[in-house]
PDB file of N, CA and C in Angstrom:
ATOM      1  N   UNK A   1      95.194  79.171  76.076  1.00  0.00           N
ATOM      2  CA  UNK A   1      95.264  80.451  76.747  1.00  0.00           C
ATOM      3  C   UNK A   1      95.509  80.184  78.239  1.00  0.00           C
ATOM      4  N   UNK A   2      96.478  80.883  78.801  1.00  0.00           N
ATOM      5  CA  UNK A   2      96.819  80.661  80.202  1.00  0.00           C
ATOM      6  C   UNK A   2      95.811  81.348  81.132  1.00  0.00           C
ATOM      7  N   UNK A   3      95.892  80.994  82.402  1.00  0.00           N
ATOM      8  CA  UNK A   3      94.998  81.575  83.409  1.00  0.00           C
ATOM      9  C   UNK A   3      95.191  83.091  83.480  1.00  0.00           C
ATOM     10  N   UNK A   4      96.443  83.530  83.403  1.00  0.00           N
ATOM     11  CA  UNK A   4      96.742  84.966  83.477  1.00  0.00           C
ATOM     12  C   UNK A   4      96.131  85.694  82.285  1.00  0.00           C
ATOM     13  N   UNK A   5      96.258  85.120  81.098  1.00  0.00           N
ATOM     14  CA  UNK A   5      95.683  85.748  79.906  1.00  0.00           C
ATOM     15  C   UNK A   5      94.165  85.848  80.011  1.00  0.00           C
ATOM     16  N   UNK A   6      93.531  84.800  80.541  1.00  0.00           N
ATOM     17  CA  UNK A   6      92.074  84.818  80.713  1.00  0.00           C
ATOM     18  C   UNK A   6      91.654  85.893  81.713  1.00  0.00           C
ATOM     19  N   UNK A   7      92.416  86.013  82.820  1.00  0.00           N
ATOM     20  CA  UNK A   7      92.107  87.052  83.805  1.00  0.00           C
ATOM     21  C   UNK A   7      92.282  88.442  83.215  1.00  0.00           C
ATOM     22  N   UNK A   8      93.343  88.619  82.437  1.00  0.00           N
ATOM     23  CA  UNK A   8      93.582  89.920  81.819  1.00  0.00           C
ATOM     24  C   UNK A   8      92.442  90.273  80.861  1.00  0.00           C
ATOM     25  N   UNK A   9      92.005  89.294  80.074  1.00  0.00           N
ATOM     26  CA  UNK A   9      90.880  89.532  79.166  1.00  0.00           C
ATOM     27  C   UNK A   9      89.622  89.899  79.944  1.00  0.00           C
ATOM     28  N   UNK A  10      89.407  89.235  81.076  1.00  0.00           N
ATOM     29  CA  UNK A  10      88.238  89.519  81.921  1.00  0.00           C
ATOM     30  C   UNK A  10      88.311  90.951  82.459  1.00  0.00           C
ATOM     31  N   UNK A  11      89.499  91.383  82.890  1.00  0.00           N
ATOM     32  CA  UNK A  11      89.685  92.728  83.422  1.00  0.00           C
ATOM     33  C   UNK A  11      89.405  93.795  82.375  1.00  0.00           C
ATOM     34  N   UNK A  12      89.806  93.540  81.129  1.00  0.00           N
ATOM     35  CA  UNK A  12      89.702  94.546  80.080  1.00  0.00           C
ATOM     36  C   UNK A  12      88.416  94.439  79.267  1.00  0.00           C
ATOM     37  N   UNK A  13      87.520  93.574  79.694  1.00  0.00           N
ATOM     38  CA  UNK A  13      86.232  93.416  79.034  1.00  0.00           C
ATOM     39  C   UNK A  13      85.397  94.685  79.232  1.00  0.00           C
ATOM     40  N   UNK A  14      84.587  95.021  78.233  1.00  0.00           N
ATOM     41  CA  UNK A  14      83.693  96.175  78.366  1.00  0.00           C
ATOM     42  C   UNK A  14      82.276  95.699  78.185  1.00  0.00           C
ATOM     43  N   UNK A  15      81.342  96.079  79.002  1.00  0.00           N
ATOM     44  CA  UNK A  15      81.507  96.855  80.229  1.00  0.00           C
ATOM     45  C   UNK A  15      82.248  96.028  81.286  1.00  0.00           C
ATOM     46  N   UNK A  16      82.765  96.722  82.280  1.00  0.00           N
ATOM     47  CA  UNK A  16      83.539  96.056  83.324  1.00  0.00           C
ATOM     48  C   UNK A  16      82.645  95.050  84.034  1.00  0.00           C
ATOM     49  N   UNK A  17      83.084  93.785  84.091  1.00  0.00           N
ATOM     50  CA  UNK A  17      82.266  92.773  84.759  1.00  0.00           C
ATOM     51  C   UNK A  17      82.188  93.017  86.264  1.00  0.00           C
ATOM     52  N   UNK A  18      81.086  92.622  86.858  1.00  0.00           N
ATOM     53  CA  UNK A  18      80.915  92.830  88.299  1.00  0.00           C
ATOM     54  C   UNK A  18      81.216  91.563  89.089  1.00  0.00           C
ATOM     55  N   UNK A  19      81.897  90.610  88.448  1.00  0.00           N
ATOM     56  CA  UNK A  19      82.222  89.366  89.138  1.00  0.00           C
ATOM     57  C   UNK A  19      83.732  89.163  89.309  1.00  0.00           C
ATOM     58  N   UNK A  20      84.501  90.248  89.280  1.00  0.00           N
ATOM     59  CA  UNK A  20      85.944  90.147  89.496  1.00  0.00           C
ATOM     60  C   UNK A  20      86.184  90.020  90.998  1.00  0.00           C
ATOM     61  N   UNK A  21      86.811  88.924  91.377  1.00  0.00           N
ATOM     62  CA  UNK A  21      87.021  88.648  92.794  1.00  0.00           C
ATOM     63  C   UNK A  21      88.363  89.189  93.261  1.00  0.00           C
ATOM     64  N   UNK A  22      88.504  89.264  94.574  1.00  0.00           N
ATOM     65  CA  UNK A  22      89.761  89.711  95.145  1.00  0.00           C
ATOM     66  C   UNK A  22      90.886  88.738  94.792  1.00  0.00           C
ATOM     67  N   UNK A  23      90.578  87.456  94.737  1.00  0.00           N
ATOM     68  CA  UNK A  23      91.589  86.460  94.339  1.00  0.00           C
ATOM     69  C   UNK A  23      92.062  86.692  92.906  1.00  0.00           C
ATOM     70  N   UNK A  24      91.148  87.113  92.015  1.00  0.00           N
ATOM     71  CA  UNK A  24      91.534  87.460  90.643  1.00  0.00           C
ATOM     72  C   UNK A  24      92.528  88.616  90.652  1.00  0.00           C
ATOM     73  N   UNK A  25      92.255  89.611  91.481  1.00  0.00           N
ATOM     74  CA  UNK A  25      93.131  90.775  91.593  1.00  0.00           C
ATOM     75  C   UNK A  25      94.520  90.354  92.056  1.00  0.00           C
ATOM     76  N   UNK A  26      94.580  89.527  93.089  1.00  0.00           N
ATOM     77  CA  UNK A  26      95.862  89.083  93.634  1.00  0.00           C
ATOM     78  C   UNK A  26      96.655  88.331  92.567  1.00  0.00           C
ATOM     79  N   UNK A  27      96.014  87.402  91.885  1.00  0.00           N
ATOM     80  CA  UNK A  27      96.692  86.601  90.865  1.00  0.00           C
ATOM     81  C   UNK A  27      97.245  87.477  89.745  1.00  0.00           C
ATOM     82  N   UNK A  28      96.425  88.382  89.230  1.00  0.00           N
ATOM     83  CA  UNK A  28      96.857  89.223  88.118  1.00  0.00           C
ATOM     84  C   UNK A  28      97.900  90.241  88.556  1.00  0.00           C
ATOM     85  N   UNK A  29      97.705  90.853  89.707  1.00  0.00           N
ATOM     86  CA  UNK A  29      98.666  91.852  90.194  1.00  0.00           C
ATOM     87  C   UNK A  29     100.034  91.219  90.424  1.00  0.00           C
ATOM     88  N   UNK A  30     100.069  90.036  90.999  1.00  0.00           N
ATOM     89  CA  UNK A  30     101.353  89.370  91.235  1.00  0.00           C
ATOM     90  C   UNK A  30     102.035  89.007  89.918  1.00  0.00           C
ATOM     91  N   UNK A  31     101.264  88.719  88.886  1.00  0.00           N
ATOM     92  CA  UNK A  31     101.865  88.419  87.585  1.00  0.00           C
ATOM     93  C   UNK A  31     102.541  89.656  86.981  1.00  0.00           C
ATOM     94  N   UNK A  32     102.080  90.841  87.376  1.00  0.00           N
ATOM     95  CA  UNK A  32     102.694  92.095  86.922  1.00  0.00           C
ATOM     96  C   UNK A  32     103.830  92.541  87.834  1.00  0.00           C
ATOM     97  N   UNK A  33     104.108  91.781  88.887  1.00  0.00           N
ATOM     98  CA  UNK A  33     105.201  92.126  89.796  1.00  0.00           C
ATOM     99  C   UNK A  33     104.779  92.981  90.967  1.00  0.00           C
ATOM    100  N   UNK A  34     103.500  93.076  91.219  1.00  0.00           N
ATOM    101  CA  UNK A  34     102.992  93.859  92.344  1.00  0.00           C
ATOM    102  C   UNK A  34     103.077  93.044  93.631  1.00  0.00           C
ATOM    103  N   UNK A  35     103.103  93.754  94.737  1.00  0.00           N
ATOM    104  CA  UNK A  35     103.110  93.134  96.059  1.00  0.00           C
ATOM    105  C   UNK A  35     101.770  93.436  96.706  1.00  0.00           C
ATOM    106  N   UNK A  36     101.195  92.443  97.367  1.00  0.00           N
ATOM    107  CA  UNK A  36      99.919  92.608  98.060  1.00  0.00           C
ATOM    108  C   UNK A  36     100.216  92.773  99.542  1.00  0.00           C
ATOM    109  N   UNK A  37      99.800  93.913 100.111  1.00  0.00           N
ATOM    110  CA  UNK A  37     100.019  94.174 101.533  1.00  0.00           C
ATOM    111  C   UNK A  37      98.674  94.238 102.241  1.00  0.00           C
ATOM    112  N   UNK A  38      98.536  93.413 103.275  1.00  0.00           N
ATOM    113  CA  UNK A  38      97.294  93.389 104.043  1.00  0.00           C
ATOM    114  C   UNK A  38      97.472  94.144 105.342  1.00  0.00           C
ATOM    115  N   UNK A  39      96.368  94.568 105.899  1.00  0.00           N
ATOM    116  CA  UNK A  39      96.401  95.275 107.169  1.00  0.00           C
ATOM    117  C   UNK A  39      95.454  96.450 107.140  1.00  0.00           C
ATOM    118  N   UNK A  40      94.871  96.739 108.243  1.00  0.00           N
ATOM    119  CA  UNK A  40      93.920  97.840 108.302  1.00  0.00           C
ATOM    120  C   UNK A  40      92.630  97.470 107.598  1.00  0.00           C
ATOM    121  N   UNK A  41      91.920  98.480 107.131  1.00  0.00           N
ATOM    122  CA  UNK A  41      90.635  98.259 106.483  1.00  0.00           C
ATOM    123  C   UNK A  41      90.764  97.859 105.019  1.00  0.00           C
ATOM    124  N   UNK A  42      91.909  98.162 104.415  1.00  0.00           N
ATOM    125  CA  UNK A  42      92.083  97.899 102.999  1.00  0.00           C
ATOM    126  C   UNK A  42      93.340  97.064 102.773  1.00  0.00           C
ATOM    127  N   UNK A  43      93.288  96.281 101.729  1.00  0.00           N
ATOM    128  CA  UNK A  43      94.479  95.606 101.246  1.00  0.00           C
ATOM    129  C   UNK A  43      95.053  96.511 100.163  1.00  0.00           C
ATOM    130  N   UNK A  44      96.369  96.585 100.096  1.00  0.00           N
ATOM    131  CA  UNK A  44      97.007  97.483  99.133  1.00  0.00           C
ATOM    132  C   UNK A  44      97.737  96.685  98.067  1.00  0.00           C
ATOM    133  N   UNK A  45      97.576  97.122  96.819  1.00  0.00           N
ATOM    134  CA  UNK A  45      98.346  96.589  95.712  1.00  0.00           C
ATOM    135  C   UNK A  45      99.463  97.597  95.471  1.00  0.00           C
ATOM    136  N   UNK A  46     100.701  97.155  95.649  1.00  0.00           N
ATOM    137  CA  UNK A  46     101.854  98.055  95.578  1.00  0.00           C
ATOM    138  C   UNK A  46     102.759  97.633  94.427  1.00  0.00           C
ATOM    139  N   UNK A  47     103.115  98.597  93.584  1.00  0.00           N
ATOM    140  CA  UNK A  47     104.109  98.366  92.549  1.00  0.00           C
ATOM    141  C   UNK A  47     105.225  99.365  92.780  1.00  0.00           C
ATOM    142  N   UNK A  48     106.430  98.856  93.007  1.00  0.00           N
ATOM    143  CA  UNK A  48     107.579  99.714  93.303  1.00  0.00           C
ATOM    144  C   UNK A  48     108.765  99.237  92.480  1.00  0.00           C
ATOM    145  N   UNK A  49     109.054  99.961  91.411  1.00  0.00           N
ATOM    146  CA  UNK A  49     110.192  99.633  90.581  1.00  0.00           C
ATOM    147  C   UNK A  49     110.994 100.914  90.376  1.00  0.00           C
ATOM    148  N   UNK A  50     112.023 101.073  91.179  1.00  0.00           N
ATOM    149  CA  UNK A  50     112.835 102.292  91.120  1.00  0.00           C
ATOM    150  C   UNK A  50     113.600 102.400  89.807  1.00  0.00           C
ATOM    151  N   UNK A  51     113.991 101.265  89.253  1.00  0.00           N
ATOM    152  CA  UNK A  51     114.734 101.277  87.988  1.00  0.00           C
ATOM    153  C   UNK A  51     113.900 101.865  86.857  1.00  0.00           C
ATOM    154  N   UNK A  52     112.620 101.552  86.849  1.00  0.00           N
ATOM    155  CA  UNK A  52     111.728 102.054  85.811  1.00  0.00           C
ATOM    156  C   UNK A  52     111.065 103.371  86.200  1.00  0.00           C
ATOM    157  N   UNK A  53     111.260 103.793  87.450  1.00  0.00           N
ATOM    158  CA  UNK A  53     110.697 105.059  87.911  1.00  0.00           C
ATOM    159  C   UNK A  53     109.197 105.017  88.110  1.00  0.00           C
ATOM    160  N   UNK A  54     108.679 103.877  88.541  1.00  0.00           N
ATOM    161  CA  UNK A  54     107.234 103.750  88.728  1.00  0.00           C
ATOM    162  C   UNK A  54     106.940 103.236  90.126  1.00  0.00           C
ATOM    163  N   UNK A  55     106.136 104.000  90.852  1.00  0.00           N
ATOM    164  CA  UNK A  55     105.718 103.608  92.199  1.00  0.00           C
ATOM    165  C   UNK A  55     104.244 103.956  92.345  1.00  0.00           C
ATOM    166  N   UNK A  56     103.435 102.963  92.638  1.00  0.00           N
ATOM    167  CA  UNK A  56     102.005 103.198  92.840  1.00  0.00           C
ATOM    168  C   UNK A  56     101.487 102.322  93.970  1.00  0.00           C
ATOM    169  N   UNK A  57     100.541 102.855  94.713  1.00  0.00           N
ATOM    170  CA  UNK A  57      99.834 102.112  95.757  1.00  0.00           C
ATOM    171  C   UNK A  57      98.343 102.295  95.503  1.00  0.00           C
ATOM    172  N   UNK A  58      97.634 101.191  95.381  1.00  0.00           N
ATOM    173  CA  UNK A  58      96.190 101.238  95.164  1.00  0.00           C
ATOM    174  C   UNK A  58      95.512 100.472  96.297  1.00  0.00           C
ATOM    175  N   UNK A  59      94.792 101.179  97.159  1.00  0.00           N
ATOM    176  CA  UNK A  59      94.054 100.478  98.218  1.00  0.00           C
ATOM    177  C   UNK A  59      92.800  99.833  97.623  1.00  0.00           C
ATOM    178  N   UNK A  60      92.586  98.571  97.971  1.00  0.00           N
ATOM    179  CA  UNK A  60      91.419  97.845  97.475  1.00  0.00           C
ATOM    180  C   UNK A  60      90.672  97.293  98.684  1.00  0.00           C
ATOM    181  N   UNK A  61      89.475  97.829  98.978  1.00  0.00           N
ATOM    182  CA  UNK A  61      88.727  97.327 100.120  1.00  0.00           C
ATOM    183  C   UNK A  61      88.262  95.897  99.871  1.00  0.00           C
ATOM    184  N   UNK A  62      88.304  95.128 100.910  1.00  0.00           N
ATOM    185  CA  UNK A  62      87.917  93.721 100.803  1.00  0.00           C
ATOM    186  C   UNK A  62      86.622  93.526 101.581  1.00  0.00           C
ATOM    187  N   UNK A  63      85.503  93.806 100.924  1.00  0.00           N
ATOM    188  CA  UNK A  63      84.173  93.624 101.502  1.00  0.00           C
ATOM    189  C   UNK A  63      83.459  92.597 100.645  1.00  0.00           C
ATOM    190  N   UNK A  64      83.359  91.386 101.125  1.00  0.00           N
ATOM    191  CA  UNK A  64      82.762  90.336 100.318  1.00  0.00           C
ATOM    192  C   UNK A  64      83.790  89.757  99.365  1.00  0.00           C
ATOM    193  N   UNK A  65      83.320  89.105  98.314  1.00  0.00           N
ATOM    194  CA  UNK A  65      84.223  88.421  97.401  1.00  0.00           C
ATOM    195  C   UNK A  65      84.629  89.253  96.192  1.00  0.00           C
ATOM    196  N   UNK A  66      83.773  90.188  95.767  1.00  0.00           N
ATOM    197  CA  UNK A  66      84.066  90.944  94.556  1.00  0.00           C
ATOM    198  C   UNK A  66      84.568  92.346  94.905  1.00  0.00           C
ATOM    199  N   UNK A  67      85.183  92.990  93.904  1.00  0.00           N
ATOM    200  CA  UNK A  67      85.672  94.357  94.108  1.00  0.00           C
ATOM    201  C   UNK A  67      84.865  95.301  93.224  1.00  0.00           C
ATOM    202  N   UNK A  68      84.891  96.572  93.590  1.00  0.00           N
ATOM    203  CA  UNK A  68      84.118  97.572  92.870  1.00  0.00           C
ATOM    204  C   UNK A  68      84.733  97.965  91.544  1.00  0.00           C
ATOM    205  N   UNK A  69      83.896  98.503  90.680  1.00  0.00           N
ATOM    206  CA  UNK A  69      84.302  98.905  89.342  1.00  0.00           C
ATOM    207  C   UNK A  69      85.412  99.953  89.365  1.00  0.00           C
ATOM    208  N   UNK A  70      85.348 100.889  90.288  1.00  0.00           N
ATOM    209  CA  UNK A  70      86.354 101.956  90.349  1.00  0.00           C
ATOM    210  C   UNK A  70      87.742 101.383  90.612  1.00  0.00           C
ATOM    211  N   UNK A  71      87.826 100.314  91.399  1.00  0.00           N
ATOM    212  CA  UNK A  71      89.121  99.708  91.701  1.00  0.00           C
ATOM    213  C   UNK A  71      89.647  98.926  90.504  1.00  0.00           C
ATOM    214  N   UNK A  72      88.740  98.347  89.731  1.00  0.00           N
ATOM    215  CA  UNK A  72      89.151  97.673  88.506  1.00  0.00           C
ATOM    216  C   UNK A  72      89.755  98.697  87.549  1.00  0.00           C
ATOM    217  N   UNK A  73      89.128  99.870  87.430  1.00  0.00           N
ATOM    218  CA  UNK A  73      89.656 100.923  86.564  1.00  0.00           C
ATOM    219  C   UNK A  73      91.044 101.361  87.015  1.00  0.00           C
ATOM    220  N   UNK A  74      91.231 101.571  88.311  1.00  0.00           N
ATOM    221  CA  UNK A  74      92.531 101.980  88.833  1.00  0.00           C
ATOM    222  C   UNK A  74      93.595 100.918  88.581  1.00  0.00           C
ATOM    223  N   UNK A  75      93.231  99.666  88.773  1.00  0.00           N
ATOM    224  CA  UNK A  75      94.177  98.583  88.533  1.00  0.00           C
ATOM    225  C   UNK A  75      94.531  98.472  87.054  1.00  0.00           C
ATOM    226  N   UNK A  76      93.561  98.677  86.167  1.00  0.00           N
ATOM    227  CA  UNK A  76      93.849  98.647  84.733  1.00  0.00           C
ATOM    228  C   UNK A  76      94.828  99.749  84.359  1.00  0.00           C
ATOM    229  N   UNK A  77      94.660 100.939  84.951  1.00  0.00           N
ATOM    230  CA  UNK A  77      95.596 102.035  84.693  1.00  0.00           C
ATOM    231  C   UNK A  77      97.000 101.666  85.159  1.00  0.00           C
ATOM    232  N   UNK A  78      97.094 101.020  86.325  1.00  0.00           N
ATOM    233  CA  UNK A  78      98.386 100.576  86.830  1.00  0.00           C
ATOM    234  C   UNK A  78      99.003  99.542  85.895  1.00  0.00           C
ATOM    235  N   UNK A  79      98.240  98.548  85.474  1.00  0.00           N
ATOM    236  CA  UNK A  79      98.769  97.509  84.590  1.00  0.00           C
ATOM    237  C   UNK A  79      99.201  98.098  83.252  1.00  0.00           C
ATOM    238  N   UNK A  80      98.436  99.062  82.731  1.00  0.00           N
ATOM    239  CA  UNK A  80      98.822  99.729  81.487  1.00  0.00           C
ATOM    240  C   UNK A  80     100.143 100.495  81.666  1.00  0.00           C
ATOM    241  N   UNK A  81     100.294 101.176  82.800  1.00  0.00           N
ATOM    242  CA  UNK A  81     101.531 101.915  83.062  1.00  0.00           C
ATOM    243  C   UNK A  81     102.718 100.971  83.180  1.00  0.00           C
ATOM    244  N   UNK A  82     102.521  99.832  83.818  1.00  0.00           N
ATOM    245  CA  UNK A  82     103.600  98.853  83.954  1.00  0.00           C
ATOM    246  C   UNK A  82     104.019  98.345  82.572  1.00  0.00           C
ATOM    247  N   UNK A  83     103.037  98.019  81.737  1.00  0.00           N
ATOM    248  CA  UNK A  83     103.357  97.553  80.390  1.00  0.00           C
ATOM    249  C   UNK A  83     104.075  98.629  79.592  1.00  0.00           C
ATOM    250  N   UNK A  84     103.683  99.889  79.764  1.00  0.00           N
ATOM    251  CA  UNK A  84     104.290 100.992  79.040  1.00  0.00           C
ATOM    252  C   UNK A  84     105.757 101.177  79.429  1.00  0.00           C
ATOM    253  N   UNK A  85     106.075 101.133  80.711  1.00  0.00           N
ATOM    254  CA  UNK A  85     107.462 101.354  81.124  1.00  0.00           C
ATOM    255  C   UNK A  85     108.340 100.139  80.849  1.00  0.00           C
ATOM    256  N   UNK A  86     107.746  98.975  80.689  1.00  0.00           N
ATOM    257  CA  UNK A  86     108.535  97.777  80.365  1.00  0.00           C
ATOM    258  C   UNK A  86     108.985  97.759  78.904  1.00  0.00           C
ATOM    259  N   UNK A  87     108.358  98.573  78.061  1.00  0.00           N
ATOM    260  CA  UNK A  87     108.714  98.590  76.611  1.00  0.00           C
ATOM    261  C   UNK A  87     110.057  99.197  76.378  1.00  0.00           C
TER     262      UNK A  87
END
């Protein structure tokens, strides 16, 4: 099992684990074709694919090493949407 597959399994685990780090987010988001933009109080996960008609920006605050459950939920919705439009 690859690192990406393990991270994806960790993200979709129930209940949502509280040990998902910002580095995990960056690695998984980049595997889905997202761009990470830093600056200001939040780092943004941006997915922009005009061909598929999908554009999303999810701000993820970087306070400490882990991210909050609500941001994991938002990112899962984004990853699900990306997989759906790729079909």
